[in-house]
C-alpha atoms as a PDB file:
ATOM      1  CA  MET A   1     -36.870  82.573  24.643  1.00  0.00           C
ATOM      2  CA  LEU A   2     -34.775  79.720  26.079  1.00  0.00           C
ATOM      3  CA  LYS A   3     -33.120  82.091  28.547  1.00  0.00           C
ATOM      4  CA  TYR A   4     -36.519  83.362  29.687  1.00  0.00           C
ATOM      5  CA  LEU A   5     -37.826  79.811  30.066  1.00  0.00           C
ATOM      6  CA  VAL A   6     -34.835  78.754  32.176  1.00  0.00           C
ATOM      7  CA  TRP A   7     -35.185  81.872  34.332  1.00  0.00           C
ATOM      8  CA  ARG A   8     -38.885  81.210  34.970  1.00  0.00           C
ATOM      9  CA  LEU A   9     -38.199  77.580  35.846  1.00  0.00           C
ATOM     10  CA  LEU A  10     -35.488  78.643  38.298  1.00  0.00           C
ATOM     11  CA  LEU A  11     -37.988  81.009  39.947  1.00  0.00           C
ATOM     12  CA  PHE A  12     -40.172  77.999  40.688  1.00  0.00           C
ATOM     13  CA  ILE A  13     -37.761  76.879  43.419  1.00  0.00           C
ATOM     14  CA  PRO A  14     -37.971  79.912  45.758  1.00  0.00           C
ATOM     15  CA  THR A  15     -41.669  80.341  44.963  1.00  0.00           C
ATOM     16  CA  LEU A  16     -42.477  76.769  45.959  1.00  0.00           C
ATOM     17  CA  PHE A  17     -40.271  77.034  49.040  1.00  0.00           C
ATOM     18  CA  ILE A  18     -42.049  80.169  50.272  1.00  0.00           C
ATOM     19  CA  ALA A  19     -45.444  78.651  49.460  1.00  0.00           C
ATOM     20  CA  SER A  20     -44.579  75.498  51.411  1.00  0.00           C
ATOM     21  CA  ILE A  21     -43.629  77.538  54.495  1.00  0.00           C
ATOM     22  CA  VAL A  22     -46.847  79.561  54.319  1.00  0.00           C
ATOM     23  CA  ILE A  23     -49.023  76.466  53.837  1.00  0.00           C
ATOM     24  CA  PHE A  24     -47.272  74.562  56.627  1.00  0.00           C
ATOM     25  CA  GLY A  25     -47.609  77.507  59.012  1.00  0.00           C
ATOM     26  CA  ILE A  26     -51.292  78.068  58.273  1.00  0.00           C
ATOM     27  CA  MET A  27     -52.053  74.402  58.873  1.00  0.00           C
ATOM     28  CA  ARG A  28     -50.564  74.599  62.358  1.00  0.00           C
ATOM     29  CA  LEU A  29     -52.837  77.536  63.184  1.00  0.00           C
ATOM     30  CA  LEU A  30     -55.969  75.452  62.637  1.00  0.00           C
ATOM     31  CA  PRO A  31     -57.752  74.615  65.897  1.00  0.00           C
ATOM     32  CA  GLY A  32     -58.339  71.013  66.881  1.00  0.00           C
ATOM     33  CA  ASP A  33     -56.255  67.864  67.213  1.00  0.00           C
ATOM     34  CA  VAL A  34     -56.109  65.177  64.535  1.00  0.00           C
ATOM     35  CA  ALA A  35     -55.331  62.573  67.218  1.00  0.00           C
ATOM     36  CA  LEU A  36     -58.695  63.234  68.867  1.00  0.00           C
ATOM     37  CA  VAL A  37     -60.421  62.995  65.485  1.00  0.00           C
ATOM     38  CA  VAL A  38     -58.797  59.644  64.734  1.00  0.00           C
ATOM     39  CA  LEU A  39     -59.629  58.251  68.161  1.00  0.00           C
ATOM     40  CA  SER A  40     -63.211  59.524  67.916  1.00  0.00           C
ATOM     41  CA  GLY A  41     -63.613  57.516  64.742  1.00  0.00           C
ATOM     42  CA  SER A  42     -62.517  54.349  66.503  1.00  0.00           C
ATOM     43  CA  GLY A  43     -65.856  54.082  68.299  1.00  0.00           C
ATOM     44  CA  GLU A  44     -64.610  54.526  71.860  1.00  0.00           C
ATOM     45  CA  ALA A  45     -66.549  57.000  73.980  1.00  0.00           C
ATOM     46  CA  THR A  46     -63.660  58.325  76.071  1.00  0.00           C
ATOM     47  CA  HIS A  47     -59.920  58.492  75.660  1.00  0.00           C
ATOM     48  CA  ASP A  48     -57.289  59.020  78.334  1.00  0.00           C
ATOM     49  CA  VAL A  49     -54.365  61.406  78.011  1.00  0.00           C
ATOM     50  CA  ALA A  50     -51.838  58.591  77.653  1.00  0.00           C
ATOM     51  CA  GLN A  51     -53.722  57.150  74.700  1.00  0.00           C
ATOM     52  CA  ILE A  52     -53.869  60.538  72.978  1.00  0.00           C
ATOM     53  CA  GLU A  53     -50.167  61.197  73.552  1.00  0.00           C
ATOM     54  CA  ARG A  54     -49.274  57.726  72.301  1.00  0.00           C
ATOM     55  CA  LEU A  55     -51.152  58.350  69.049  1.00  0.00           C
ATOM     56  CA  ARG A  56     -49.619  61.820  68.666  1.00  0.00           C
ATOM     57  CA  GLU A  57     -46.182  60.275  69.041  1.00  0.00           C
ATOM     58  CA  GLU A  58     -47.031  57.610  66.480  1.00  0.00           C
ATOM     59  CA  LEU A  59     -48.245  60.242  64.007  1.00  0.00           C
ATOM     60  CA  GLY A  60     -45.161  62.409  64.577  1.00  0.00           C
ATOM     61  CA  LEU A  61     -47.139  65.333  65.951  1.00  0.00           C
ATOM     62  CA  ASN A  62     -44.965  65.654  69.076  1.00  0.00           C
ATOM     63  CA  SER A  63     -41.852  66.413  67.037  1.00  0.00           C
ATOM     64  CA  PRO A  64     -40.679  70.058  66.767  1.00  0.00           C
ATOM     65  CA  LEU A  65     -42.285  71.998  63.936  1.00  0.00           C
ATOM     66  CA  VAL A  66     -38.955  72.280  62.117  1.00  0.00           C
ATOM     67  CA  VAL A  67     -38.604  68.496  62.164  1.00  0.00           C
ATOM     68  CA  GLN A  68     -42.176  68.027  60.955  1.00  0.00           C
ATOM     69  CA  TYR A  69     -41.626  70.521  58.153  1.00  0.00           C
ATOM     70  CA  GLY A  70     -38.373  68.886  57.065  1.00  0.00           C
ATOM     71  CA  ARG A  71     -39.957  65.430  57.113  1.00  0.00           C
ATOM     72  CA  TRP A  72     -42.852  66.631  54.971  1.00  0.00           C
ATOM     73  CA  LEU A  73     -40.563  68.505  52.561  1.00  0.00           C
ATOM     74  CA  ARG A  74     -38.383  65.420  52.044  1.00  0.00           C
ATOM     75  CA  SER A  75     -41.426  63.278  51.367  1.00  0.00           C
ATOM     76  CA  MET A  76     -42.743  65.865  48.870  1.00  0.00           C
ATOM     77  CA  ALA A  77     -39.479  65.615  46.974  1.00  0.00           C
ATOM     78  CA  GLY A  78     -39.626  61.806  47.087  1.00  0.00           C
ATOM     79  CA  THR A  79     -42.055  59.273  45.756  1.00  0.00           C
ATOM     80  CA  GLU A  80     -44.732  59.577  48.447  1.00  0.00           C
ATOM     81  CA  LEU A  81     -45.563  63.232  47.650  1.00  0.00           C
ATOM     82  CA  GLY A  82     -46.064  64.245  51.268  1.00  0.00           C
ATOM     83  CA  GLY A  83     -45.934  61.008  53.209  1.00  0.00           C
ATOM     84  CA  ARG A  84     -49.090  59.411  54.542  1.00  0.00           C
ATOM     85  CA  SER A  85     -52.489  60.644  55.612  1.00  0.00           C
ATOM     86  CA  LEU A  86     -52.781  61.063  59.372  1.00  0.00           C
ATOM     87  CA  GLU A  87     -56.387  59.880  59.366  1.00  0.00           C
ATOM     88  CA  ASN A  88     -56.197  56.577  57.450  1.00  0.00           C
ATOM     89  CA  ARG A  89     -52.429  56.228  56.799  1.00  0.00           C
ATOM     90  CA  GLN A  90     -52.906  56.079  53.024  1.00  0.00           C
ATOM     91  CA  VAL A  91     -49.955  57.088  50.870  1.00  0.00           C
ATOM     92  CA  ILE A  92     -50.715  60.617  49.699  1.00  0.00           C
ATOM     93  CA  ARG A  93     -49.364  59.828  46.240  1.00  0.00           C
ATOM     94  CA  SER A  94     -52.224  57.387  45.703  1.00  0.00           C
ATOM     95  CA  VAL A  95     -54.747  59.939  46.989  1.00  0.00           C
ATOM     96  CA  ILE A  96     -53.477  62.549  44.526  1.00  0.00           C
ATOM     97  CA  ALA A  97     -53.468  60.020  41.677  1.00  0.00           C
ATOM     98  CA  ARG A  98     -57.119  59.281  42.439  1.00  0.00           C
ATOM     99  CA  GLN A  99     -58.378  62.843  42.943  1.00  0.00           C
ATOM    100  CA  LEU A 100     -56.339  64.909  40.478  1.00  0.00           C
ATOM    101  CA  PRO A 101     -57.836  63.385  37.273  1.00  0.00           C
ATOM    102  CA  VAL A 102     -61.360  64.207  38.481  1.00  0.00           C
ATOM    103  CA  THR A 103     -60.519  67.863  39.142  1.00  0.00           C
ATOM    104  CA  PHE A 104     -58.540  68.064  35.912  1.00  0.00           C
ATOM    105  CA  GLN A 105     -61.458  66.695  33.890  1.00  0.00           C
ATOM    106  CA  LEU A 106     -63.904  69.118  35.506  1.00  0.00           C
ATOM    107  CA  THR A 107     -61.518  72.002  34.797  1.00  0.00           C
ATOM    108  CA  LEU A 108     -60.962  70.923  31.197  1.00  0.00           C
ATOM    109  CA  TYR A 109     -64.658  70.507  30.434  1.00  0.00           C
ATOM    110  CA  THR A 110     -65.518  73.859  32.014  1.00  0.00           C
ATOM    111  CA  LEU A 111     -62.707  75.643  30.205  1.00  0.00           C
ATOM    112  CA  VAL A 112     -63.582  74.217  26.791  1.00  0.00           C
ATOM    113  CA  ILE A 113     -67.255  75.136  27.120  1.00  0.00           C
ATOM    114  CA  SER A 114     -66.393  78.605  28.461  1.00  0.00           C
ATOM    115  CA  VAL A 115     -64.039  79.401  25.584  1.00  0.00           C
ATOM    116  CA  LEU A 116     -66.324  77.988  22.892  1.00  0.00           C
ATOM    117  CA  VAL A 117     -69.223  80.067  24.201  1.00  0.00           C
ATOM    118  CA  SER A 118     -67.477  83.231  25.379  1.00  0.00           C
ATOM    119  CA  VAL A 119     -65.212  84.138  22.468  1.00  0.00           C
ATOM    120  CA  PRO A 120     -67.902  84.067  19.720  1.00  0.00           C
ATOM    121  CA  LEU A 121     -70.443  85.846  21.936  1.00  0.00           C
ATOM    122  CA  GLY A 122     -67.874  88.434  23.030  1.00  0.00           C
ATOM    123  CA  VAL A 123     -66.987  89.147  19.399  1.00  0.00           C
ATOM    124  CA  LEU A 124     -70.680  89.370  18.468  1.00  0.00           C
ATOM    125  CA  ALA A 125     -71.372  91.773  21.337  1.00  0.00           C
ATOM    126  CA  ALA A 126     -68.469  94.008  20.275  1.00  0.00           C
ATOM    127  CA  VAL A 127     -69.427  94.037  16.589  1.00  0.00           C
ATOM    128  CA  ARG A 128     -73.079  94.733  17.476  1.00  0.00           C
ATOM    129  CA  GLN A 129     -72.273  97.234  20.229  1.00  0.00           C
ATOM    130  CA  ASP A 130     -75.310  98.931  21.809  1.00  0.00           C
ATOM    131  CA  ARG A 131     -77.733  96.842  19.741  1.00  0.00           C
ATOM    132  CA  TRP A 132     -80.096  94.127  20.965  1.00  0.00           C
ATOM    133  CA  PRO A 133     -77.569  91.242  20.651  1.00  0.00           C
ATOM    134  CA  ASP A 134     -75.116  93.204  22.799  1.00  0.00           C
ATOM    135  CA  PHE A 135     -77.737  94.015  25.434  1.00  0.00           C
ATOM    136  CA  LEU A 136     -79.023  90.423  25.530  1.00  0.00           C
ATOM    137  CA  ILE A 137     -75.532  88.908  25.877  1.00  0.00           C
ATOM    138  CA  ARG A 138     -74.554  91.327  28.623  1.00  0.00           C
ATOM    139  CA  MET A 139     -77.780  90.766  30.528  1.00  0.00           C
ATOM    140  CA  VAL A 140     -77.414  86.962  30.505  1.00  0.00           C
ATOM    141  CA  PHE A 141     -73.781  86.948  31.536  1.00  0.00           C
ATOM    142  CA  ILE A 142     -74.055  89.677  34.157  1.00  0.00           C
ATOM    143  CA  ALA A 143     -76.554  87.366  35.840  1.00  0.00           C
ATOM    144  CA  GLY A 144     -73.967  84.578  35.542  1.00  0.00           C
ATOM    145  CA  GLN A 145     -71.429  86.665  37.417  1.00  0.00           C
ATOM    146  CA  ALA A 146     -73.941  87.738  40.056  1.00  0.00           C
ATOM    147  CA  VAL A 147     -75.090  84.244  41.070  1.00  0.00           C
ATOM    148  CA  PRO A 148     -72.481  82.284  43.102  1.00  0.00           C
ATOM    149  CA  SER A 149     -71.676  78.871  41.677  1.00  0.00           C
ATOM    150  CA  PHE A 150     -72.533  77.018  44.896  1.00  0.00           C
ATOM    151  CA  LEU A 151     -75.967  78.691  45.046  1.00  0.00           C
ATOM    152  CA  LEU A 152     -76.614  77.887  41.398  1.00  0.00           C
ATOM    153  CA  ALA A 153     -75.582  74.263  42.027  1.00  0.00           C
ATOM    154  CA  LEU A 154     -78.063  73.954  44.900  1.00  0.00           C
ATOM    155  CA  LEU A 155     -80.839  75.562  42.841  1.00  0.00           C
ATOM    156  CA  VAL A 156     -80.174  73.219  39.918  1.00  0.00           C
ATOM    157  CA  ILE A 157     -80.322  70.109  42.095  1.00  0.00           C
ATOM    158  CA  MET A 158     -83.446  71.312  43.919  1.00  0.00           C
ATOM    159  CA  GLY A 159     -85.119  72.163  40.621  1.00  0.00           C
ATOM    160  CA  LEU A 160     -84.361  68.763  39.125  1.00  0.00           C
ATOM    161  CA  VAL A 161     -85.614  66.931  42.204  1.00  0.00           C
ATOM    162  CA  LEU A 162     -88.828  68.974  42.563  1.00  0.00           C
ATOM    163  CA  VAL A 163     -89.740  69.268  38.874  1.00  0.00           C
ATOM    164  CA  SER A 164     -88.476  66.115  37.202  1.00  0.00           C
ATOM    165  CA  HIS A 165     -87.968  63.950  40.324  1.00  0.00           C
ATOM    166  CA  TRP A 166     -84.432  63.149  39.142  1.00  0.00           C
ATOM    167  CA  SER A 167     -81.072  63.925  40.687  1.00  0.00           C
ATOM    168  CA  PRO A 168     -77.587  63.416  39.270  1.00  0.00           C
ATOM    169  CA  PRO A 169     -75.774  60.211  40.267  1.00  0.00           C
ATOM    170  CA  ILE A 170     -73.571  60.373  43.349  1.00  0.00           C
ATOM    171  CA  THR A 171     -71.190  57.594  42.330  1.00  0.00           C
ATOM    172  CA  TYR A 172     -68.348  58.774  40.104  1.00  0.00           C
ATOM    173  CA  ALA A 173     -67.602  56.803  36.935  1.00  0.00           C
ATOM    174  CA  ASN A 174     -64.559  57.166  34.691  1.00  0.00           C
ATOM    175  CA  LEU A 175     -65.068  58.204  31.096  1.00  0.00           C
ATOM    176  CA  TRP A 176     -63.371  55.081  29.733  1.00  0.00           C
ATOM    177  CA  GLU A 177     -65.358  52.734  31.990  1.00  0.00           C
ATOM    178  CA  ASP A 178     -68.919  54.099  31.740  1.00  0.00           C
ATOM    179  CA  PRO A 179     -69.187  57.118  29.386  1.00  0.00           C
ATOM    180  CA  LEU A 180     -72.915  57.649  29.983  1.00  0.00           C
ATOM    181  CA  ALA A 181     -72.621  57.687  33.783  1.00  0.00           C
ATOM    182  CA  HIS A 182     -69.546  59.915  33.495  1.00  0.00           C
ATOM    183  CA  VAL A 183     -71.452  62.465  31.403  1.00  0.00           C
ATOM    184  CA  GLN A 184     -74.408  62.366  33.799  1.00  0.00           C
ATOM    185  CA  ILE A 185     -72.322  63.185  36.861  1.00  0.00           C
ATOM    186  CA  MET A 186     -69.994  65.706  35.150  1.00  0.00           C
ATOM    187  CA  LEU A 187     -72.456  67.624  32.970  1.00  0.00           C
ATOM    188  CA  LEU A 188     -74.263  69.649  35.636  1.00  0.00           C
ATOM    189  CA  PRO A 189     -71.190  70.787  37.640  1.00  0.00           C
ATOM    190  CA  THR A 190     -69.474  71.667  34.363  1.00  0.00           C
ATOM    191  CA  LEU A 191     -72.389  73.810  33.202  1.00  0.00           C
ATOM    192  CA  VAL A 192     -72.729  75.441  36.629  1.00  0.00           C
ATOM    193  CA  LEU A 193     -69.057  76.458  36.654  1.00  0.00           C
ATOM    194  CA  ALA A 194     -69.030  77.351  32.957  1.00  0.00           C
ATOM    195  CA  TRP A 195     -71.813  79.925  33.308  1.00  0.00           C
ATOM    196  CA  GLY A 196     -69.920  82.007  35.832  1.00  0.00           C
ATOM    197  CA  HIS A 197     -66.525  81.683  34.152  1.00  0.00           C
ATOM    198  CA  SER A 198     -67.835  82.275  30.633  1.00  0.00           C
ATOM    199  CA  ALA A 199     -69.659  85.386  31.882  1.00  0.00           C
ATOM    200  CA  PHE A 200     -66.409  87.074  32.869  1.00  0.00           C
ATOM    201  CA  LEU A 201     -64.587  85.792  29.789  1.00  0.00           C
ATOM    202  CA  THR A 202     -67.306  87.149  27.499  1.00  0.00           C
ATOM    203  CA  ARG A 203     -67.007  90.605  29.036  1.00  0.00           C
ATOM    204  CA  VAL A 204     -63.223  90.553  28.646  1.00  0.00           C
ATOM    205  CA  THR A 205     -63.498  89.440  25.012  1.00  0.00           C
ATOM    206  CA  ARG A 206     -66.029  92.166  24.277  1.00  0.00           C
ATOM    207  CA  ALA A 207     -63.934  94.904  25.916  1.00  0.00           C
ATOM    208  CA  SER A 208     -60.760  93.747  24.169  1.00  0.00           C
ATOM    209  CA  MET A 209     -62.469  93.583  20.775  1.00  0.00           C
ATOM    210  CA  LEU A 210     -63.938  97.066  21.201  1.00  0.00           C
ATOM    211  CA  GLU A 211     -60.485  98.452  21.975  1.00  0.00           C
ATOM    212  CA  VAL A 212     -58.918  96.761  18.952  1.00  0.00           C
ATOM    213  CA  LEU A 213     -61.732  97.789  16.598  1.00  0.00           C
ATOM    214  CA  ARG A 214     -61.027 101.429  17.432  1.00  0.00           C
ATOM    215  CA  GLN A 215     -57.370 101.181  16.350  1.00  0.00           C
ATOM    216  CA  ASP A 216     -56.103 103.098  13.322  1.00  0.00           C
ATOM    217  CA  TYR A 217     -55.136 100.015  11.321  1.00  0.00           C
ATOM    218  CA  ILE A 218     -58.731  98.764  11.536  1.00  0.00           C
ATOM    219  CA  ARG A 219     -59.994 102.065  10.136  1.00  0.00           C
ATOM    220  CA  THR A 220     -57.370 101.840   7.398  1.00  0.00           C
ATOM    221  CA  GLY A 221     -58.550  98.372   6.448  1.00  0.00           C
ATOM    222  CA  LEU A 222     -62.146  99.564   6.291  1.00  0.00           C
ATOM    223  CA  SER A 223     -61.189 102.547   4.128  1.00  0.00           C
ATOM    224  CA  LYS A 224     -59.421 100.202   1.683  1.00  0.00           C
ATOM    225  CA  GLY A 225     -62.584  98.174   1.271  1.00  0.00           C
ATOM    226  CA  LEU A 226     -61.708  95.055   3.239  1.00  0.00           C
ATOM    227  CA  ALA A 227     -64.706  92.953   4.188  1.00  0.00           C
ATOM    228  CA  GLY A 228     -65.872  93.301   7.752  1.00  0.00           C
ATOM    229  CA  ARG A 229     -65.544  89.571   8.348  1.00  0.00           C
ATOM    230  CA  VAL A 230     -61.909  89.644   7.229  1.00  0.00           C
ATOM    231  CA  ILE A 231     -61.105  92.586   9.493  1.00  0.00           C
ATOM    232  CA  VAL A 232     -62.811  91.050  12.519  1.00  0.00           C
ATOM    233  CA  PHE A 233     -61.498  87.494  12.316  1.00  0.00           C
ATOM    234  CA  ARG A 234     -58.147  87.916  10.559  1.00  0.00           C
ATOM    235  CA  HIS A 235     -56.888  91.174  12.068  1.00  0.00           C
ATOM    236  CA  ALA A 236     -58.880  92.253  15.136  1.00  0.00           C
ATOM    237  CA  LEU A 237     -59.547  88.939  16.863  1.00  0.00           C
ATOM    238  CA  ARG A 238     -55.917  87.819  16.922  1.00  0.00           C
ATOM    239  CA  ASN A 239     -54.794  90.951  18.752  1.00  0.00           C
ATOM    240  CA  ALA A 240     -57.835  90.905  21.024  1.00  0.00           C
ATOM    241  CA  LEU A 241     -57.067  87.376  22.207  1.00  0.00           C
ATOM    242  CA  ILE A 242     -53.984  88.378  24.234  1.00  0.00           C
ATOM    243  CA  PRO A 243     -55.880  89.634  27.325  1.00  0.00           C
ATOM    244  CA  VAL A 244     -58.405  86.829  26.821  1.00  0.00           C
ATOM    245  CA  ILE A 245     -55.642  84.231  27.118  1.00  0.00           C
ATOM    246  CA  SER A 246     -54.435  85.916  30.315  1.00  0.00           C
ATOM    247  CA  VAL A 247     -57.910  85.582  31.797  1.00  0.00           C
ATOM    248  CA  VAL A 248     -58.168  81.949  30.655  1.00  0.00           C
ATOM    249  CA  GLY A 249     -54.889  81.189  32.431  1.00  0.00           C
ATOM    250  CA  LEU A 250     -56.176  82.776  35.625  1.00  0.00           C
ATOM    251  CA  GLN A 251     -59.449  80.894  35.306  1.00  0.00           C
ATOM    252  CA  VAL A 252     -57.646  77.556  35.024  1.00  0.00           C
ATOM    253  CA  GLY A 253     -55.945  78.246  38.341  1.00  0.00           C
ATOM    254  CA  ALA A 254     -59.223  79.377  39.867  1.00  0.00           C
ATOM    255  CA  LEU A 255     -61.022  76.264  38.618  1.00  0.00           C
ATOM    256  CA  LEU A 256     -58.334  73.913  39.897  1.00  0.00           C
ATOM    257  CA  SER A 257     -58.401  75.415  43.363  1.00  0.00           C
ATOM    258  CA  GLY A 258     -61.856  76.946  43.616  1.00  0.00           C
ATOM    259  CA  ALA A 259     -64.285  74.128  42.807  1.00  0.00           C
ATOM    260  CA  VAL A 260     -64.314  72.890  46.400  1.00  0.00           C
ATOM    261  CA  ILE A 261     -67.979  73.474  47.163  1.00  0.00           C
ATOM    262  CA  VAL A 262     -69.255  72.479  43.716  1.00  0.00           C
ATOM    263  CA  GLU A 263     -67.356  69.182  43.877  1.00  0.00           C
ATOM    264  CA  SER A 264     -68.803  68.522  47.318  1.00  0.00           C
ATOM    265  CA  ILE A 265     -72.372  69.355  46.274  1.00  0.00           C
ATOM    266  CA  PHE A 266     -72.279  67.049  43.251  1.00  0.00           C
ATOM    267  CA  GLY A 267     -70.273  64.331  45.003  1.00  0.00           C
ATOM    268  CA  LEU A 268     -67.211  64.503  42.759  1.00  0.00           C
ATOM    269  CA  PRO A 269     -64.158  62.875  44.396  1.00  0.00           C
ATOM    270  CA  GLY A 270     -61.756  65.619  43.271  1.00  0.00           C
ATOM    271  CA  MET A 271     -58.959  67.525  44.965  1.00  0.00           C
ATOM    272  CA  GLY A 272     -61.239  70.322  46.107  1.00  0.00           C
ATOM    273  CA  ARG A 273     -63.504  67.929  47.950  1.00  0.00           C
ATOM    274  CA  GLY A 274     -60.423  66.086  49.238  1.00  0.00           C
ATOM    275  CA  ILE A 275     -59.010  69.275  50.751  1.00  0.00           C
ATOM    276  CA  LEU A 276     -62.360  70.080  52.376  1.00  0.00           C
ATOM    277  CA  GLN A 277     -62.620  66.627  53.932  1.00  0.00           C
ATOM    278  CA  ALA A 278     -58.985  66.759  55.099  1.00  0.00           C
ATOM    279  CA  VAL A 279     -59.622  70.119  56.785  1.00  0.00           C
ATOM    280  CA  THR A 280     -62.514  68.680  58.797  1.00  0.00           C
ATOM    281  CA  VAL A 281     -60.218  66.022  60.328  1.00  0.00           C
ATOM    282  CA  ARG A 282     -57.101  68.253  60.572  1.00  0.00           C
ATOM    283  CA  ASP A 283     -55.130  65.945  58.259  1.00  0.00           C
ATOM    284  CA  TYR A 284     -52.133  68.286  57.933  1.00  0.00           C
ATOM    285  CA  PRO A 285     -49.928  66.344  55.478  1.00  0.00           C
ATOM    286  CA  LEU A 286     -52.811  65.668  53.100  1.00  0.00           C
ATOM    287  CA  ILE A 287     -53.944  69.307  53.078  1.00  0.00           C
ATOM    288  CA  GLN A 288     -50.386  70.540  52.593  1.00  0.00           C
ATOM    289  CA  SER A 289     -49.622  68.100  49.789  1.00  0.00           C
ATOM    290  CA  LEU A 290     -52.847  68.692  47.856  1.00  0.00           C
ATOM    291  CA  THR A 291     -52.382  72.449  48.136  1.00  0.00           C
ATOM    292  CA  MET A 292     -48.759  72.248  46.979  1.00  0.00           C
ATOM    293  CA  VAL A 293     -49.805  70.229  43.928  1.00  0.00           C
ATOM    294  CA  LEU A 294     -52.299  72.971  43.076  1.00  0.00           C
ATOM    295  CA  VAL A 295     -49.565  75.610  43.486  1.00  0.00           C
ATOM    296  CA  VAL A 296     -47.296  73.726  41.062  1.00  0.00           C
ATOM    297  CA  LEU A 297     -50.126  73.394  38.540  1.00  0.00           C
ATOM    298  CA  VAL A 298     -50.998  77.104  38.728  1.00  0.00           C
ATOM    299  CA  LEU A 299     -47.358  78.152  38.276  1.00  0.00           C
ATOM    300  CA  THR A 300     -46.987  75.814  35.299  1.00  0.00           C
ATOM    301  CA  ILE A 301     -50.171  77.102  33.675  1.00  0.00           C
ATOM    302  CA  ASN A 302     -49.059  80.724  34.104  1.00  0.00           C
ATOM    303  CA  LEU A 303     -45.758  79.888  32.394  1.00  0.00           C
ATOM    304  CA  VAL A 304     -47.540  78.176  29.499  1.00  0.00           C
ATOM    305  CA  VAL A 305     -49.844  81.194  29.078  1.00  0.00           C
ATOM    306  CA  ASP A 306     -46.868  83.557  28.940  1.00  0.00           C
ATOM    307  CA  LEU A 307     -45.245  81.414  26.240  1.00  0.00           C
ATOM    308  CA  MET A 308     -48.477  81.347  24.243  1.00  0.00           C
ATOM    309  CA  TYR A 309     -48.317  85.134  23.878  1.00  0.00           C
ATOM    310  CA  VAL A 310     -45.397  84.771  21.471  1.00  0.00           C
ATOM    311  CA  ALA A 311     -47.312  82.341  19.279  1.00  0.00           C
ATOM    312  CA  ILE A 312     -50.285  84.709  19.049  1.00  0.00           C
ATOM    313  CA  ASP A 313     -48.435  88.019  18.743  1.00  0.00           C
ATOM    314  CA  PRO A 314     -44.907  87.833  17.203  1.00  0.00           C
ATOM    315  CA  ARG A 315     -44.253  91.397  18.399  1.00  0.00           C
ATOM    316  CA  ILE A 316     -43.856  90.040  21.949  1.00  0.00           C
ATOM    317  CA  ASN A 317     -40.243  89.062  22.534  1.00  0.00           C
ATOM    318  CA  TYR A 318     -38.973  87.838  25.901  1.00  0.00           C
ATOM    319  CA  THR A 319     -35.332  87.964  24.825  1.00  0.00           C
ATOM    320  CA  ALA A 320     -35.173  91.758  24.985  1.00  0.00           C
END
């Protein structure tokens, strides 16, 4: 196990290096000029070429791409985590420290609700296969997969405004500062994301349980007179959770990086919304740094999921 862990950690280095090159290259393909965006925000109507070039030189945009990449890579390895924002010159480390907890909380809340709802309903649908509970569960969650999260978010807000004349707050509040305001602003985006993610997780749990329930050792347990509850929860569910955990790990990565539009709709100051705003002003270092943080988080989560397999199923051995 230790050898496998060390090997996976060593693989992080080339993976992050390749990811950094790809991210840096894609950023330079974006149209537009951040210098023009910054000058446009200064309130002046026109800008001469000398003024634009002076700002580009100040921001380091006139340096060769190799120099820009090396400067950004050194700052990522240092304490600034990517240097400074080109738009407002904020230290990117402080931006990440402000936005990452919001995205992490949204991901955690969504994941907890999805697992608590999906696993019991998936087991129930498998045990009651082709009966009314199975049909009802599948119908509800197929609709959850069919409706995009951003469309559902817009419909929820429009429905609240038109029916109850109430909309969620737009000012974010920390849980430890104002719990009630925190719940009000986080509840709706969490439920919107949880419906879609729990829909897929429920289907995976159901399919995995059906496969396990058809195994010979389950039939043997039934023939020996074991109670159905014992067979389902003590024997079948543990083996059925392995593909479920894989999906949960993938969903964590998807939630961390894919809640861009939902965060923007509900006004959550998370990393997804931060990346979207940075793209609109061509803030290359900020986009690159936020994306690299997400890459590191996804790689770490995938490693943790792989290690959890051993705890759930002792037959899995990475030392072989």
